[in-house]
C-alpha atoms as a PDB file:
ATOM      1  CA  MET A   1     -30.876   9.685  -7.088  1.00  0.00           C
ATOM      2  CA  ALA A   2     -29.361  13.124  -6.233  1.00  0.00           C
ATOM      3  CA  VAL A   3     -29.103  12.144  -2.528  1.00  0.00           C
ATOM      4  CA  LEU A   4     -27.268   9.017  -3.500  1.00  0.00           C
ATOM      5  CA  ALA A   5     -24.820  11.174  -5.494  1.00  0.00           C
ATOM      6  CA  TRP A   6     -24.128  13.462  -2.544  1.00  0.00           C
ATOM      7  CA  LEU A   7     -23.574  10.454  -0.413  1.00  0.00           C
ATOM      8  CA  LEU A   8     -21.131   8.721  -2.835  1.00  0.00           C
ATOM      9  CA  ILE A   9     -18.973  11.962  -3.309  1.00  0.00           C
ATOM     10  CA  PRO A  10     -17.587  11.831   0.269  1.00  0.00           C
ATOM     11  CA  LEU A  11     -17.319   8.048   0.052  1.00  0.00           C
ATOM     12  CA  PHE A  12     -15.026   8.311  -3.037  1.00  0.00           C
ATOM     13  CA  ALA A  13     -13.077  11.278  -1.423  1.00  0.00           C
ATOM     14  CA  ALA A  14     -12.432   9.138   1.722  1.00  0.00           C
ATOM     15  CA  ILE A  15     -11.263   6.099  -0.428  1.00  0.00           C
ATOM     16  CA  GLY A  16      -9.019   8.465  -2.447  1.00  0.00           C
ATOM     17  CA  ALA A  17      -7.571   9.999   0.730  1.00  0.00           C
ATOM     18  CA  ALA A  18      -6.849   6.410   2.136  1.00  0.00           C
ATOM     19  CA  ILE A  19      -5.038   5.470  -1.019  1.00  0.00           C
ATOM     20  CA  TRP A  20      -3.024   8.694  -0.961  1.00  0.00           C
ATOM     21  CA  GLY A  21      -2.148   8.277   2.699  1.00  0.00           C
ATOM     22  CA  SER A  22      -0.964   4.756   2.216  1.00  0.00           C
ATOM     23  CA  TRP A  23       1.139   5.873  -0.730  1.00  0.00           C
ATOM     24  CA  VAL A  24       2.696   8.645   1.250  1.00  0.00           C
ATOM     25  CA  ALA A  25       3.424   6.511   4.333  1.00  0.00           C
ATOM     26  CA  ARG A  26       5.228   3.685   2.294  1.00  0.00           C
ATOM     27  CA  ASP A  27       8.627   2.575   3.381  1.00  0.00           C
ATOM     28  CA  ARG A  28      11.205   4.114   1.027  1.00  0.00           C
ATOM     29  CA  THR A  29      14.427   3.186   2.902  1.00  0.00           C
ATOM     30  CA  VAL A  30      15.728   0.919   0.058  1.00  0.00           C
ATOM     31  CA  GLY A  31      16.006   3.960  -2.397  1.00  0.00           C
ATOM     32  CA  ASP A  32      17.687   6.109   0.315  1.00  0.00           C
ATOM     33  CA  ILE A  33      20.293   3.436   0.856  1.00  0.00           C
ATOM     34  CA  ALA A  34      21.111   3.160  -2.842  1.00  0.00           C
ATOM     35  CA  GLU A  35      21.232   7.062  -3.130  1.00  0.00           C
ATOM     36  CA  LEU A  36      23.661   7.151  -0.078  1.00  0.00           C
ATOM     37  CA  ASN A  37      25.830   4.516  -1.722  1.00  0.00           C
ATOM     38  CA  GLY A  38      26.005   6.284  -4.911  1.00  0.00           C
ATOM     39  CA  TYR A  39      26.829   9.515  -3.173  1.00  0.00           C
ATOM     40  CA  ALA A  40      29.773   7.788  -1.296  1.00  0.00           C
ATOM     41  CA  ARG A  41      31.156   6.377  -4.550  1.00  0.00           C
ATOM     42  CA  PHE A  42      30.902   9.969  -6.048  1.00  0.00           C
ATOM     43  CA  ARG A  43      32.699  11.384  -3.093  1.00  0.00           C
ATOM     44  CA  ASP A  44      35.487   8.743  -3.395  1.00  0.00           C
ATOM     45  CA  ALA A  45      35.921   9.375  -7.119  1.00  0.00           C
ATOM     46  CA  MET A  46      36.107  13.205  -6.431  1.00  0.00           C
ATOM     47  CA  GLU A  47      38.722  12.626  -3.816  1.00  0.00           C
ATOM     48  CA  LYS A  48      40.792  10.361  -6.102  1.00  0.00           C
ATOM     49  CA  ALA A  49      40.537  12.906  -8.935  1.00  0.00           C
ATOM     50  CA  GLU A  50      41.928  15.615  -6.471  1.00  0.00           C
ATOM     51  CA  THR A  51      45.078  13.442  -5.571  1.00  0.00           C
ATOM     52  CA  ARG A  52      45.895  12.471  -9.014  1.00  0.00           C
ATOM     53  CA  SER A  53      45.917  15.972 -10.786  1.00  0.00           C
ATOM     54  CA  ASP A  54      49.347  17.435 -11.183  1.00  0.00           C
ATOM     55  CA  PRO A  55      49.873  21.262 -11.270  1.00  0.00           C
ATOM     56  CA  VAL A  56      50.942  22.637 -14.589  1.00  0.00           C
END
């Protein structure tokens, strides 16, 4: 029984590594595009705020 346990430990480690590797390699371009669009809106808002401000 102890031999079986020692054989299952690397098997579970390999399965865990495969799951982790597929999670890391996933395609995340959708989130990047949304973040870039949000940053562009922020930049536009900051540029508009600079042009509207009147010196006191």
